[in-house]
Structure formats: structure tokens, C-alpha cells
Amino acid sequence: MSGMTLAHISQQYAQQQPERTAIVFKDRQISYANLNQSANQVAHGLTKLDVQPQDRILFLDVNNDRFYEVAIGSSRIGAVIVPIHAKFVLNEILPIIQDSQAKVLFIGRVFYTAIGEQLQALLGDTFTIICTDEQYEIWRDHQSINPNDYQQDTREICLQLYTSGTTGVSKGVELCSLSLFHTALDAKQNHGLSPLAQFHSDDHVLLSLPHAHIAGSLAGLFALYLGCKLVLVEQFNPQNVLQIMQQEQVSLTLLVPVMLKHLLDALSENNQALNTLKNVIYGAAPMPTTLLKAAIKRLPHTHFGQIYGLTESSGPITYLDAQDHLDIAQGNDRLSHSCGRATHGVEIQILNEKFEQLLSGQIGEIACRSIQNMNGYWQKPTETSQTFHNEYLLTGDLGYMDEQGYLYIYDRKKDMVISGGENVYPTEIEDILYQHPDVSEVAVIGVPDETWGECLKAIIVLKNNNQDVASIAQNILEFSKSKLANFKVPKSIDFVEQLPRNPAGKVLRQILREPYWSKQDRQVS
């Protein structure tokens, strides 16, 4: 168990049950034998491109089966898969490509048509771009199907996910097979608390979360290791997802609460049922109690679980399990504000500014110690050291523990906003808005939103106050859309004469946030 690596995925079932379905994507059904063979071919193809162990391999596309062929194939020569968020635009993609120092990019046809030539011109002829359509199939199928001799170590980096920092500069989170899989497998064997322990080999798992998120990549890879049928959806459309879930008899899925709400609406509109759905695991935001009660009523055969975690912790470090959710539905309002107890193999402490452990009920920074914690940030030793205290990963979130060991998130030490399950950092948005010719000063905050949990609001000081603010607001929003992924574009703009600052000149975001959060019982959604 402890020797399991990303490179091992698909091997067991390719030998024992070769015709077993591994992946369903649109009209393609890929067996475990085919997935294993394709991964071998990718490994040989990358070797011919002079890819060496620990080189980075980029993947830019929506969810599809090619990602798993490339990810597993890369690991079989010791290379590192780096998925890029499919919602990113060119000026977000290029810094990741440059920072990763990758030699090869696998790119979807839509993205290749839009930016492929620009990327090739910017990166030069020595950089290889392979489009994941027929070009990829021809390249792959010219390679040997035989296994190669490389033996991946569990502590080798195998997955690198980029997460924006508070400075707006993306950081590559380095994860190895040991951090990704060990505690989850141990939890299954020893009946430990873990959302991944809910996965079983006979599950049909629907995945609509992007591979560039830890939840998406980890869930997909773990499901394939267990022998599940993985049903992939390019993007979440409730009507389409409902149809696929019924057709493929989906038994487990991962969602953010807003997705669940839309799925319930689609069920009600069609007066349909999801009798095969046994487990819904959700994260990124707590589920409103009214939504939970509606979900339990509409899906009486389904268990619900909430996860809290970070990319840097390889995903979940707490879990609010099915029984907790039933307790909430039956009136336990206290638990409705918790994100659960520490998962199997994870130790959580609440620390003050002197890194002293606090008592139950006292608010401080959430820190965790686990084999799941990242190896570090790619080529950023200073940032890595600042993220750890002794062996504890500092999450940047503020919260407290109760006497029963349940964790409650109160606020974010960092300025990150979570909107519809997407992590957004204000500084990154502000850097773009400052490029607009009419913007003098800007601060971006998260404000409560019933649909998305939080949405982005820009607070702007104009260079010329004698403008048509409605017209200029629309102009700024259009400017933002040309520079940012949609989920990073502010939903609204307020104009002020000046921003509140401390004596050192730092913008006091808490003062800006206060009017919008004053009636909320906590400072995160």
C-alpha cells in the first residue's frame, strides 16, 4: 500500500480485468487495458522528446480522458504532470508555462486555435505543443506499447498544481504519491475518517471539478486506482449532468454547494430521481442548512460529506461525515457551522501569532501536520519555509476547535476569496484593474452571495470623479473580462473618494468588508 504511486494506476486492473471500463467521456469508453497501454505509449513518446525525470509536462484542456493518459504516462518516466485551469486566459497561462520550465504542452483544440500560434511564437521551436485531438492520437499510437523500466519513488514529485498567492504570483505546489494516496488508502484499510474512504471499486464516479484543482485531480486518480468507473464531464451543466448521472448510474460525485443547488433544481423541474447516487462529497464552502435539508429530502438514499483542505495539504484535512449531516438536518445548528473533524492521519492545531497552541474555543490560525503536506513550492524555498512552522502547515485560515474536535473556520488570515468553489486572490485582480486608465486606486473584497457563497466586489477610486459612473463601471468590467478568467471578474463595483489605510499605507480590507458582513455570523461564506 505505502509503495503505491501515480505510475501504478491502471496496472492492476489492466492485468486482472482488462475489459473493465476505466473512463467514460462523451461517446468514448476506455477500458483499463486501453488506459494502461496509452499511458505506456505516452511514456515512450515523452522519452523521445528528451523529457527527463522531474521535468514538467503541461496539460491545458477541459476534463477528458487524455489527461489521465498523459498524467500516468508522465509518471512512468518520472516526469511531473502540471494541469492548467481551462478557464485561464493567455496572460494567466504564460507565467505558469514559463515558471514550470516545461518542454511539452498538451493542449485542447479550442485552446490551440485561440492561442496555440501565439504560444509557439513566444516559446520557440524547441518547445513542443501537442493538440489533444487527432494529432495526439497519431503521436501516441506511433509509440511502443511495452512498459518501460523506470520505477517511480513514492516521494518523487508527480503532480504540480498552481495556486495564486496573496501577492498575485502563482506558486507551483509540489505533491508526491506518498502525500496524495498513502493516508487515503490507510483510512480505507483501517476504517479511518476520510472522504476518500467513501470510494469503492464498484462506484461509478462523476467528476465535473477541473483537474487543475486538487479535488478534481485527486478524486479522478484515486478512483482509477481503486478500479472505479470514472465518468468525466467537461463542465457542469445541471441538465446535462443529470442526464449523464442517470445514464451511467452514478453512485458518487464531488460538487460545490452551488452545483448541488442547480442539480436539485434540475431534478425538480424534470420530476426525476437519482436512486443510484449514494454519496455526494462537497467542499470550498459550507452548505446552507436549508439547502442541506432540501437535498436530504430530494435525495433520501444519498449520504453527504463536507471536506476542508488546501492544495498544499493534498486536499482534505477535515471531514464532516454523513452522520454529522443527518444531525444538522435534525436541528444541530452548531454542527452546521463546522467543517468537520481531522481526517485520518492528520493532526490539527490552532496557533496564536507566537505559534503557541490555543485551547478549545479560542480563535487562531489553523495548522496541520500530516504526511499529506506538500513537498514545497516549486523553486520557492523562502515561500515554502514561511508556510511551515516545525512540521505544521500554516493554512492562512483562522478558526477554532470545540471540545469534541470539530473545526470551525471563522475568517481568512490571507485575503483569499472563495467564489463558487474557485480560489481568488484580490491582489491579482487589483493588478489588472490598475491597468485601466480611469482607475486611481482599487481594493477587491469578497461579499456574501446566496448563489456563489462569496462574490467579488471592486472598490475603486477614480482619477476623475466627474464621470458617468454607470458607464465607467461597465467599461471597467468589460476590460476585466478581456484580462481575467470569468470567475475572477468582479460582479460589482463601488466607487469611493478614498480607501481606508493604516499608517503604513496598507489598505484596511476589514473596514471595506464590514458593511457587507456585519449581519453574518462569521466572516467567510
Protein backbone atom coordinates (compact mmCIF):
# COMPACT_ATOMS: atom_id res chain seq x y z
CA MET A 1 0.00 0.00 0.00
CA SER A 2 2.65 2.53 1.03
CA GLY A 3 4.53 1.89 -2.24
CA MET A 4 1.62 2.95 -4.44
CA THR A 5 2.48 5.67 -6.93
CA LEU A 6 0.69 7.56 -9.68
CA ALA A 7 2.57 5.36 -12.16
CA HIS A 8 0.80 2.25 -10.81
CA ILE A 9 -2.68 3.50 -11.69
CA SER A 10 -4.47 1.19 -14.16
CA GLN A 11 -1.83 -1.57 -14.00
CA GLN A 12 -3.65 -3.95 -11.65
CA TYR A 13 -6.98 -3.89 -13.46
CA ALA A 14 -5.31 -3.96 -16.87
CA GLN A 15 -3.92 -7.35 -15.87
CA GLN A 16 -6.83 -8.76 -13.86
CA GLN A 17 -9.89 -7.27 -15.62
CA PRO A 18 -8.61 -5.74 -18.87
CA GLU A 19 -12.07 -5.04 -20.34
CA ARG A 20 -13.32 -3.29 -17.18
CA THR A 21 -14.39 0.28 -18.01
CA ALA A 22 -11.99 2.86 -16.60
CA ILE A 23 -13.25 6.14 -18.12
CA VAL A 24 -16.41 7.31 -19.83
CA PHE A 25 -16.11 10.58 -21.73
CA LYS A 26 -18.76 11.61 -24.24
CA ASP A 27 -19.01 8.71 -26.70
CA ARG A 28 -15.69 7.17 -25.65
CA GLN A 29 -15.44 4.27 -23.22
CA ILE A 30 -11.86 3.46 -22.27
CA SER A 31 -11.02 0.12 -20.68
CA TYR A 32 -8.33 -0.30 -18.06
CA ALA A 33 -6.26 -2.22 -20.60
CA ASN A 34 -6.52 0.65 -23.09
CA LEU A 35 -5.73 3.27 -20.44
CA ASN A 36 -2.66 1.32 -19.33
CA GLN A 37 -1.44 0.84 -22.89
CA SER A 38 -1.96 4.50 -23.77
CA ALA A 39 -0.02 5.55 -20.67
CA ASN A 40 2.87 3.33 -21.75
CA GLN A 41 2.81 4.90 -25.20
CA VAL A 42 2.81 8.43 -23.76
CA ALA A 43 5.83 7.49 -21.62
CA HIS A 44 7.78 6.31 -24.67
CA GLY A 45 6.70 9.35 -26.70
CA LEU A 46 7.89 11.75 -24.00
CA THR A 47 11.21 9.93 -23.76
CA LYS A 48 11.74 10.52 -27.49
CA LEU A 49 11.10 14.23 -26.82
CA ASP A 50 14.03 14.13 -24.38
CA VAL A 51 11.82 14.53 -21.30
CA GLN A 52 13.83 13.62 -18.20
CA PRO A 53 12.75 12.59 -14.69
CA GLN A 54 11.22 15.57 -12.82
CA ASP A 55 10.71 17.60 -15.99
CA ARG A 56 7.31 19.28 -16.02
CA ILE A 57 4.61 18.29 -18.54
CA LEU A 58 1.79 20.80 -19.07
CA PHE A 59 -1.83 19.93 -19.81
CA LEU A 60 -4.30 22.65 -20.86
CA ASP A 61 -7.76 21.36 -21.68
CA VAL A 62 -11.20 20.72 -20.22
CA ASN A 63 -11.81 17.46 -18.36
CA ASN A 64 -11.22 14.47 -20.63
CA ASP A 65 -9.64 11.02 -20.77
CA ARG A 66 -6.43 12.31 -22.39
CA PHE A 67 -5.44 13.95 -19.12
CA TYR A 68 -5.16 10.58 -17.39
CA GLU A 69 -3.19 9.02 -20.21
CA VAL A 70 -0.71 11.91 -20.07
CA ALA A 71 -0.59 12.08 -16.26
CA ILE A 72 0.04 8.36 -15.78
CA GLY A 73 2.38 8.20 -18.77
CA SER A 74 4.42 11.14 -17.48
CA SER A 75 4.80 9.49 -14.08
CA ARG A 76 6.11 6.30 -15.70
CA ILE A 77 9.24 8.18 -16.73
CA GLY A 78 9.39 10.23 -13.52
CA ALA A 79 8.05 13.42 -15.12
CA VAL A 80 5.57 15.73 -13.37
CA ILE A 81 2.10 16.50 -14.71
CA VAL A 82 1.05 20.16 -14.44
CA PRO A 83 -2.62 20.74 -15.32
CA ILE A 84 -3.54 24.35 -16.16
CA HIS A 85 -7.00 25.70 -15.37
CA ALA A 86 -9.09 25.65 -18.55
CA LYS A 87 -10.74 28.96 -17.57
CA PHE A 88 -7.44 30.86 -17.62
CA VAL A 89 -6.62 33.36 -20.34
CA LEU A 90 -3.27 33.85 -22.06
CA ASN A 91 -1.73 36.28 -19.58
CA GLU A 92 -2.51 33.79 -16.78
CA ILE A 93 -1.31 30.76 -18.72
CA LEU A 94 2.03 32.12 -19.95
CA PRO A 95 3.57 32.75 -16.49
CA ILE A 96 2.77 29.15 -15.49
CA ILE A 97 4.40 27.79 -18.64
CA GLN A 98 7.48 29.91 -18.07
CA ASP A 99 7.73 29.20 -14.35
CA SER A 100 7.38 25.43 -14.80
CA GLN A 101 10.28 25.33 -17.31
CA ALA A 102 8.32 22.65 -19.15
CA LYS A 103 9.36 21.22 -22.51
CA VAL A 104 5.98 19.91 -23.62
CA LEU A 105 2.40 21.22 -23.59
CA PHE A 106 -0.66 19.11 -24.36
CA ILE A 107 -3.43 21.48 -25.36
CA GLY A 108 -7.09 21.12 -26.33
CA ARG A 109 -8.24 22.04 -29.82
CA VAL A 110 -10.26 25.08 -28.70
CA PHE A 111 -7.27 26.48 -26.82
CA TYR A 112 -4.84 25.63 -29.62
CA THR A 113 -7.00 27.50 -32.12
CA ALA A 114 -7.18 30.53 -29.82
CA ILE A 115 -3.60 30.82 -28.55
CA GLY A 116 -1.51 27.98 -29.99
CA GLU A 117 0.36 30.06 -32.57
CA GLN A 118 1.00 32.83 -30.04
CA LEU A 119 2.44 30.37 -27.56
CA GLN A 120 4.66 28.71 -30.16
CA ALA A 121 5.99 32.09 -31.28
CA LEU A 122 6.66 33.17 -27.69
CA LEU A 123 8.24 29.90 -26.53
CA GLY A 124 10.25 28.96 -29.62
CA ASP A 125 10.67 25.87 -31.77
CA THR A 126 12.30 23.80 -29.01
CA PHE A 127 9.03 23.88 -27.06
CA THR A 128 6.69 21.06 -28.16
CA ILE A 129 2.94 21.65 -28.41
CA ILE A 130 0.69 18.63 -29.00
CA CYS A 131 -3.00 19.18 -29.64
CA THR A 132 -5.17 16.61 -27.85
CA ASP A 133 -7.21 15.74 -30.95
CA GLU A 134 -6.18 13.54 -33.88
CA GLN A 135 -2.65 14.95 -33.67
CA TYR A 136 -2.28 13.48 -30.20
CA GLU A 137 -3.72 10.12 -31.26
CA ILE A 138 -1.32 9.84 -34.19
CA TRP A 139 1.65 10.81 -31.97
CA ARG A 140 0.61 8.40 -29.21
CA ASP A 141 -0.16 5.45 -31.46
CA HIS A 142 3.29 5.60 -33.10
CA GLN A 143 4.88 4.71 -29.75
CA SER A 144 5.71 1.36 -28.21
CA ILE A 145 3.05 -0.26 -26.01
CA ASN A 146 5.62 -2.02 -23.84
CA PRO A 147 6.22 -0.99 -20.21
CA ASN A 148 9.39 0.99 -19.57
CA ASP A 149 11.95 0.28 -16.87
CA TYR A 150 11.60 3.44 -14.75
CA GLN A 151 10.47 2.83 -11.16
CA GLN A 152 8.85 5.90 -9.62
CA ASP A 153 9.54 6.52 -5.93
CA THR A 154 6.64 7.47 -3.64
CA ARG A 155 8.44 10.66 -2.56
CA GLU A 156 9.15 11.90 -6.10
CA ILE A 157 7.10 14.89 -7.21
CA CYS A 158 4.42 13.61 -9.60
CA LEU A 159 1.81 16.39 -9.64
CA GLN A 160 2.26 20.16 -9.61
CA LEU A 161 -0.77 22.42 -9.15
CA TYR A 162 -0.57 26.18 -9.41
CA THR A 163 -2.26 28.24 -6.74
CA SER A 164 -2.28 32.02 -6.63
CA GLY A 165 -0.59 33.62 -3.66
CA THR A 166 -1.55 36.74 -1.73
CA THR A 167 0.92 38.62 -3.91
CA GLY A 168 -0.97 37.51 -7.00
CA VAL A 169 2.04 35.44 -8.16
CA SER A 170 1.17 31.81 -8.85
CA LYS A 171 3.10 29.18 -6.94
CA GLY A 172 3.57 25.59 -8.06
CA VAL A 173 2.54 23.23 -5.25
CA GLU A 174 4.69 20.10 -5.44
CA LEU A 175 2.90 16.88 -4.49
CA CYS A 176 4.20 13.31 -4.43
CA SER A 177 2.43 9.95 -4.47
CA LEU A 178 3.03 9.48 -0.74
CA SER A 179 1.21 12.72 0.10
CA LEU A 180 -1.60 12.08 -2.37
CA PHE A 181 -2.50 8.47 -1.72
CA HIS A 182 -0.99 6.99 1.45
CA THR A 183 -3.37 8.28 4.14
CA ALA A 184 -6.44 7.73 1.96
CA LEU A 185 -5.54 4.09 1.40
CA ASP A 186 -4.66 3.66 5.06
CA ALA A 187 -8.02 5.18 6.06
CA LYS A 188 -9.85 2.69 3.83
CA GLN A 189 -7.95 -0.24 5.31
CA ASN A 190 -8.38 0.88 8.92
CA HIS A 191 -11.86 2.45 8.68
CA GLY A 192 -10.49 5.92 9.35
CA LEU A 193 -12.33 9.18 8.82
CA SER A 194 -11.74 10.29 5.24
CA PRO A 195 -13.88 11.38 2.28
CA LEU A 196 -11.76 9.15 0.05
CA ALA A 197 -12.73 6.16 2.18
CA GLN A 198 -16.21 6.59 0.68
CA PHE A 199 -14.83 5.49 -2.72
CA HIS A 200 -15.29 1.80 -3.58
CA SER A 201 -14.17 -0.24 -6.56
CA ASP A 202 -17.75 -0.72 -7.79
CA ASP A 203 -18.53 3.02 -7.74
CA HIS A 204 -19.41 4.98 -10.84
CA VAL A 205 -17.83 8.37 -10.06
CA LEU A 206 -18.92 11.51 -11.88
CA LEU A 207 -16.26 14.22 -11.99
CA SER A 208 -17.02 17.74 -13.15
CA LEU A 209 -14.43 19.55 -10.99
CA PRO A 210 -11.39 20.63 -13.05
CA HIS A 211 -8.15 18.67 -12.98
CA ALA A 212 -6.26 21.84 -12.10
CA HIS A 213 -7.97 21.69 -8.68
CA ILE A 214 -6.65 19.29 -6.07
CA ALA A 215 -10.17 17.89 -5.53
CA GLY A 216 -10.57 17.15 -9.23
CA SER A 217 -7.17 15.62 -9.89
CA LEU A 218 -7.02 13.62 -6.64
CA ALA A 219 -10.56 12.24 -6.92
CA GLY A 220 -10.06 11.15 -10.51
CA LEU A 221 -6.71 9.48 -9.93
CA PHE A 222 -7.82 7.79 -6.71
CA ALA A 223 -10.99 6.47 -8.34
CA LEU A 224 -8.95 4.91 -11.15
CA TYR A 225 -6.51 3.33 -8.70
CA LEU A 226 -9.45 1.63 -6.96
CA GLY A 227 -10.93 0.36 -10.23
CA CYS A 228 -13.96 2.66 -10.34
CA LYS A 229 -15.71 3.74 -13.50
CA LEU A 230 -14.81 7.43 -13.89
CA VAL A 231 -17.43 9.47 -15.73
CA LEU A 232 -15.97 12.77 -16.94
CA VAL A 233 -17.90 15.96 -17.68
CA GLU A 234 -16.25 18.89 -19.47
CA GLN A 235 -18.10 21.48 -17.44
CA PHE A 236 -21.03 21.49 -15.07
CA ASN A 237 -24.38 21.94 -16.78
CA PRO A 238 -27.12 20.69 -14.44
CA GLN A 239 -29.43 19.29 -17.12
CA ASN A 240 -26.57 17.56 -18.92
CA VAL A 241 -25.06 16.25 -15.67
CA LEU A 242 -28.44 14.91 -14.54
CA GLN A 243 -28.86 13.02 -17.80
CA ILE A 244 -25.34 11.55 -17.59
CA MET A 245 -25.78 10.58 -13.94
CA GLN A 246 -28.95 8.65 -14.79
CA GLN A 247 -27.47 7.08 -17.92
CA GLU A 248 -24.24 5.96 -16.21
CA GLN A 249 -25.91 5.07 -12.88
CA VAL A 250 -23.54 7.36 -10.99
CA SER A 251 -23.10 6.42 -7.33
CA LEU A 252 -20.65 9.11 -6.14
CA THR A 253 -19.85 12.66 -7.16
CA LEU A 254 -17.96 15.72 -5.92
CA LEU A 255 -19.58 19.14 -6.06
CA VAL A 256 -19.51 22.61 -4.60
CA PRO A 257 -22.78 23.67 -2.91
CA VAL A 258 -23.89 25.91 -5.77
CA MET A 259 -23.64 22.92 -8.13
CA LEU A 260 -25.81 20.84 -5.82
CA LYS A 261 -28.43 23.59 -5.74
CA HIS A 262 -28.58 23.70 -9.53
CA LEU A 263 -28.74 19.90 -9.69
CA LEU A 264 -31.68 19.84 -7.25
CA ASP A 265 -33.44 22.50 -9.33
CA ALA A 266 -32.96 20.35 -12.44
CA LEU A 267 -34.36 17.31 -10.62
CA SER A 268 -37.43 19.25 -9.51
CA GLU A 269 -38.04 20.70 -12.97
CA ASN A 270 -37.99 17.23 -14.52
CA ASN A 271 -39.58 15.43 -11.56
CA GLN A 272 -36.80 12.87 -11.79
CA ALA A 273 -34.81 10.81 -9.28
CA LEU A 274 -31.22 9.74 -8.74
CA ASN A 275 -31.73 6.44 -6.99
CA THR A 276 -28.19 5.19 -7.63
CA LEU A 277 -26.47 8.23 -6.07
CA LYS A 278 -25.04 7.03 -2.74
CA ASN A 279 -22.55 9.77 -1.86
CA VAL A 280 -22.16 13.49 -2.52
CA ILE A 281 -18.90 14.98 -1.29
CA TYR A 282 -18.68 18.75 -1.37
CA GLY A 283 -16.24 21.47 -0.36
CA ALA A 284 -14.98 25.03 -0.96
CA ALA A 285 -17.88 26.38 1.12
CA PRO A 286 -20.28 25.10 3.78
CA MET A 287 -23.74 24.07 2.68
CA PRO A 288 -26.61 26.29 3.87
CA THR A 289 -28.84 24.30 6.22
CA THR A 290 -31.91 24.99 4.07
CA LEU A 291 -30.12 23.58 1.03
CA LEU A 292 -28.94 20.53 3.00
CA LYS A 293 -32.45 19.76 4.23
CA ALA A 294 -33.80 20.13 0.70
CA ALA A 295 -31.06 17.81 -0.63
CA ILE A 296 -31.74 15.16 2.01
CA LYS A 297 -35.46 15.28 1.23
CA ARG A 298 -34.93 15.16 -2.54
CA LEU A 299 -32.14 12.52 -2.35
CA PRO A 300 -33.17 10.26 0.55
CA HIS A 301 -30.75 7.48 -0.43
CA THR A 302 -27.73 9.81 -0.59
CA HIS A 303 -25.11 10.48 2.09
CA PHE A 304 -23.46 13.91 2.25
CA GLY A 305 -19.95 14.83 3.37
CA GLN A 306 -18.11 18.17 3.55
CA ILE A 307 -14.34 18.49 3.14
CA TYR A 308 -11.97 21.26 4.12
CA GLY A 309 -8.43 21.31 2.82
CA LEU A 310 -5.85 23.04 0.68
CA THR A 311 -3.84 22.27 -2.40
CA GLU A 312 -0.80 22.40 -0.09
CA SER A 313 -2.28 19.63 2.08
CA SER A 314 -3.10 17.38 -0.89
CA GLY A 315 -6.76 18.04 -0.27
CA PRO A 316 -8.93 17.12 2.72
CA ILE A 317 -7.72 17.63 6.28
CA THR A 318 -11.17 17.65 7.91
CA TYR A 319 -14.39 15.84 7.09
CA LEU A 320 -17.95 16.45 8.21
CA ASP A 321 -19.41 13.00 7.60
CA ALA A 322 -22.85 11.63 6.75
CA GLN A 323 -23.98 11.23 10.38
CA ASP A 324 -22.99 14.83 11.10
CA HIS A 325 -25.16 15.97 8.21
CA LEU A 326 -28.12 13.98 9.49
CA ASP A 327 -27.62 15.63 12.88
CA ILE A 328 -27.65 19.04 11.20
CA ALA A 329 -30.84 18.21 9.34
CA GLN A 330 -32.41 17.21 12.65
CA GLY A 331 -31.61 20.56 14.24
CA ASN A 332 -27.96 20.57 15.34
CA ASP A 333 -27.25 24.19 14.37
CA ARG A 334 -23.80 24.10 15.98
CA LEU A 335 -22.52 21.49 13.54
CA SER A 336 -23.94 23.41 10.58
CA HIS A 337 -21.07 25.89 11.05
CA SER A 338 -18.33 23.24 11.29
CA CYS A 339 -16.20 21.74 8.53
CA GLY A 340 -15.71 18.51 10.48
CA ARG A 341 -13.04 16.64 12.39
CA ALA A 342 -9.45 15.92 11.41
CA THR A 343 -9.21 13.21 8.78
CA HIS A 344 -7.24 10.01 9.26
CA GLY A 345 -3.53 10.72 9.70
CA VAL A 346 -3.93 14.48 10.17
CA GLU A 347 -3.17 16.47 13.32
CA ILE A 348 -4.68 19.94 13.62
CA GLN A 349 -3.64 22.71 15.97
CA ILE A 350 -4.91 26.26 16.45
CA LEU A 351 -1.97 28.64 16.88
CA ASN A 352 -1.63 32.23 18.02
CA GLU A 353 0.82 34.71 16.49
CA LYS A 354 3.63 33.28 18.65
CA PHE A 355 2.85 29.79 17.31
CA GLU A 356 1.54 28.72 20.72
CA GLN A 357 -1.27 26.16 20.73
CA LEU A 358 -4.63 27.61 21.76
CA LEU A 359 -7.39 25.99 23.81
CA SER A 360 -10.81 24.87 22.62
CA GLY A 361 -12.94 27.79 21.53
CA GLN A 362 -10.03 30.20 21.03
CA ILE A 363 -9.59 31.63 17.53
CA GLY A 364 -6.21 31.36 15.85
CA GLU A 365 -4.52 30.16 12.68
CA ILE A 366 -5.36 26.61 11.60
CA ALA A 367 -2.23 24.46 11.19
CA CYS A 368 -1.96 20.80 10.22
CA ARG A 369 0.69 18.10 10.39
CA SER A 370 0.38 15.15 8.04
CA ILE A 371 2.21 13.05 5.51
CA GLN A 372 -0.24 14.66 3.07
CA ASN A 373 1.50 18.05 3.27
CA MET A 374 3.22 19.26 0.13
CA ASN A 375 6.92 18.84 -0.51
CA GLY A 376 7.08 22.58 -1.09
CA TYR A 377 6.55 25.32 -3.65
CA TRP A 378 8.41 24.77 -6.92
CA GLN A 379 11.68 26.74 -6.78
CA LYS A 380 10.42 28.99 -3.96
CA PRO A 381 12.30 27.96 -0.81
CA THR A 382 11.52 31.20 1.07
CA GLU A 383 7.78 30.92 0.50
CA THR A 384 7.94 27.24 1.41
CA SER A 385 9.69 27.89 4.72
CA GLN A 386 7.20 30.65 5.56
CA THR A 387 4.31 28.25 5.05
CA PHE A 388 5.54 25.80 7.69
CA HIS A 389 6.18 26.03 11.42
CA ASN A 390 8.14 22.99 12.50
CA GLU A 391 6.21 20.19 10.77
CA TYR A 392 2.92 22.07 10.68
CA LEU A 393 1.50 23.59 7.51
CA LEU A 394 0.10 27.06 8.19
CA THR A 395 -3.18 27.26 6.31
CA GLY A 396 -3.67 31.02 6.48
CA ASP A 397 -7.22 30.41 7.73
CA LEU A 398 -8.46 31.44 11.15
CA GLY A 399 -10.70 29.18 13.18
CA TYR A 400 -11.24 27.30 16.42
CA MET A 401 -11.81 23.76 17.65
CA ASP A 402 -14.54 22.68 20.03
CA GLU A 403 -14.09 20.12 22.80
CA GLN A 404 -15.30 17.31 20.52
CA GLY A 405 -12.58 18.05 17.96
CA TYR A 406 -14.78 19.76 15.36
CA LEU A 407 -13.13 22.58 13.44
CA TYR A 408 -14.88 25.89 12.74
CA ILE A 409 -13.49 28.33 10.18
CA TYR A 410 -14.02 31.94 11.21
CA ASP A 411 -12.05 34.08 8.79
CA ARG A 412 -9.12 34.01 6.40
CA LYS A 413 -5.77 35.30 7.53
CA LYS A 414 -4.98 35.74 3.89
CA ASP A 415 -7.23 37.83 1.69
CA MET A 416 -8.35 34.93 -0.48
CA VAL A 417 -11.96 34.85 -1.64
CA ILE A 418 -13.74 31.58 -2.50
CA SER A 419 -16.45 32.13 -5.08
CA GLY A 420 -18.35 29.14 -6.41
CA GLY A 421 -15.52 26.85 -5.35
CA GLU A 422 -12.80 28.88 -7.07
CA ASN A 423 -9.95 30.40 -5.05
CA VAL A 424 -9.39 34.04 -6.00
CA TYR A 425 -6.79 36.43 -4.58
CA PRO A 426 -7.68 40.14 -4.59
CA THR A 427 -4.16 41.34 -5.39
CA GLU A 428 -4.18 39.52 -8.71
CA ILE A 429 -7.46 41.20 -9.70
CA GLU A 430 -6.27 44.58 -8.43
CA ASP A 431 -3.12 44.37 -10.55
CA ILE A 432 -5.31 44.04 -13.64
CA LEU A 433 -7.75 46.80 -12.65
CA TYR A 434 -4.87 49.19 -12.01
CA GLN A 435 -4.07 48.90 -15.72
CA HIS A 436 -7.37 50.60 -16.58
CA PRO A 437 -6.70 54.27 -17.44
CA ASP A 438 -9.52 55.60 -15.21
CA VAL A 439 -8.57 53.71 -12.04
CA SER A 440 -6.56 55.57 -9.44
CA GLU A 441 -6.88 53.15 -6.52
CA VAL A 442 -8.62 49.82 -6.12
CA ALA A 443 -9.28 47.17 -3.49
CA VAL A 444 -11.09 43.90 -4.21
CA ILE A 445 -13.05 42.11 -1.49
CA GLY A 446 -15.41 39.18 -1.17
CA VAL A 447 -19.01 39.92 -0.19
CA PRO A 448 -21.80 37.46 0.73
CA ASP A 449 -23.69 35.89 -2.15
CA GLU A 450 -26.53 33.39 -1.84
CA THR A 451 -25.58 31.55 -5.01
CA TRP A 452 -21.77 31.60 -5.01
CA GLY A 453 -21.03 31.84 -1.28
CA GLU A 454 -18.95 34.93 -1.96
CA CYS A 455 -18.65 37.14 -5.00
CA LEU A 456 -16.04 39.72 -5.88
CA LYS A 457 -16.63 43.43 -5.42
CA ALA A 458 -14.16 46.09 -6.57
CA ILE A 459 -13.93 49.28 -4.50
CA ILE A 460 -12.46 51.92 -6.80
CA VAL A 461 -11.17 55.48 -6.56
CA LEU A 462 -11.38 57.13 -9.98
CA LYS A 463 -8.78 59.51 -11.37
CA ASN A 464 -11.59 61.84 -12.39
CA ASN A 465 -14.67 61.85 -10.19
CA ASN A 466 -16.71 63.83 -12.70
CA GLN A 467 -17.50 60.80 -14.83
CA ASP A 468 -20.63 58.82 -15.61
CA VAL A 469 -20.05 56.12 -13.01
CA ALA A 470 -22.52 53.67 -14.53
CA SER A 471 -20.78 53.88 -17.90
CA ILE A 472 -17.29 53.69 -16.43
CA ALA A 473 -18.25 50.70 -14.25
CA GLN A 474 -19.41 48.80 -17.31
CA ASN A 475 -16.25 49.76 -19.17
CA ILE A 476 -14.06 48.51 -16.29
CA LEU A 477 -15.94 45.22 -16.13
CA GLU A 478 -15.52 44.68 -19.88
CA PHE A 479 -11.82 45.46 -19.50
CA SER A 480 -11.60 42.86 -16.71
CA LYS A 481 -13.25 40.20 -18.86
CA SER A 482 -10.57 40.59 -21.51
CA LYS A 483 -7.80 40.06 -18.96
CA LEU A 484 -9.16 37.53 -16.47
CA ALA A 485 -10.94 34.20 -16.24
CA ASN A 486 -14.67 34.73 -15.76
CA PHE A 487 -14.67 33.63 -12.12
CA LYS A 488 -12.09 36.34 -11.33
CA VAL A 489 -14.09 39.19 -12.83
CA PRO A 490 -15.78 41.36 -10.16
CA LYS A 491 -19.55 41.05 -10.06
CA SER A 492 -19.99 44.65 -8.95
CA ILE A 493 -18.13 47.92 -8.45
CA ASP A 494 -18.49 50.59 -5.80
CA PHE A 495 -16.82 53.98 -6.20
CA VAL A 496 -15.38 55.87 -3.21
CA GLU A 497 -13.36 59.03 -2.75
CA GLN A 498 -10.56 57.26 -0.86
CA LEU A 499 -9.63 53.85 0.50
CA PRO A 500 -9.10 53.35 4.26
CA ARG A 501 -5.45 52.74 5.07
CA ASN A 502 -3.29 52.17 8.12
CA PRO A 503 -0.31 54.47 8.95
CA ALA A 504 1.93 52.30 6.81
CA GLY A 505 -0.36 52.84 3.83
CA LYS A 506 -1.83 49.33 3.72
CA VAL A 507 -5.46 49.16 2.63
CA LEU A 508 -7.69 48.09 5.53
CA ARG A 509 -9.81 45.45 3.83
CA GLN A 510 -11.64 44.59 7.02
CA ILE A 511 -13.14 48.08 7.11
CA LEU A 512 -14.24 47.68 3.50
CA ARG A 513 -15.72 44.26 4.21
CA GLU A 514 -17.52 45.17 7.42
CA PRO A 515 -20.72 46.75 5.96
CA TYR A 516 -21.35 43.66 3.83
CA TRP A 517 -20.57 41.07 6.52
CA SER A 518 -21.92 42.82 9.64
CA LYS A 519 -25.11 40.78 9.66
CA GLN A 520 -23.30 37.48 9.04
CA ASP A 521 -22.44 35.20 11.96
CA ARG A 522 -18.94 34.63 10.58
CA GLN A 523 -16.61 36.33 8.19
CA VAL A 524 -16.47 33.70 5.46
CA SER A 525 -19.31 32.24 3.42
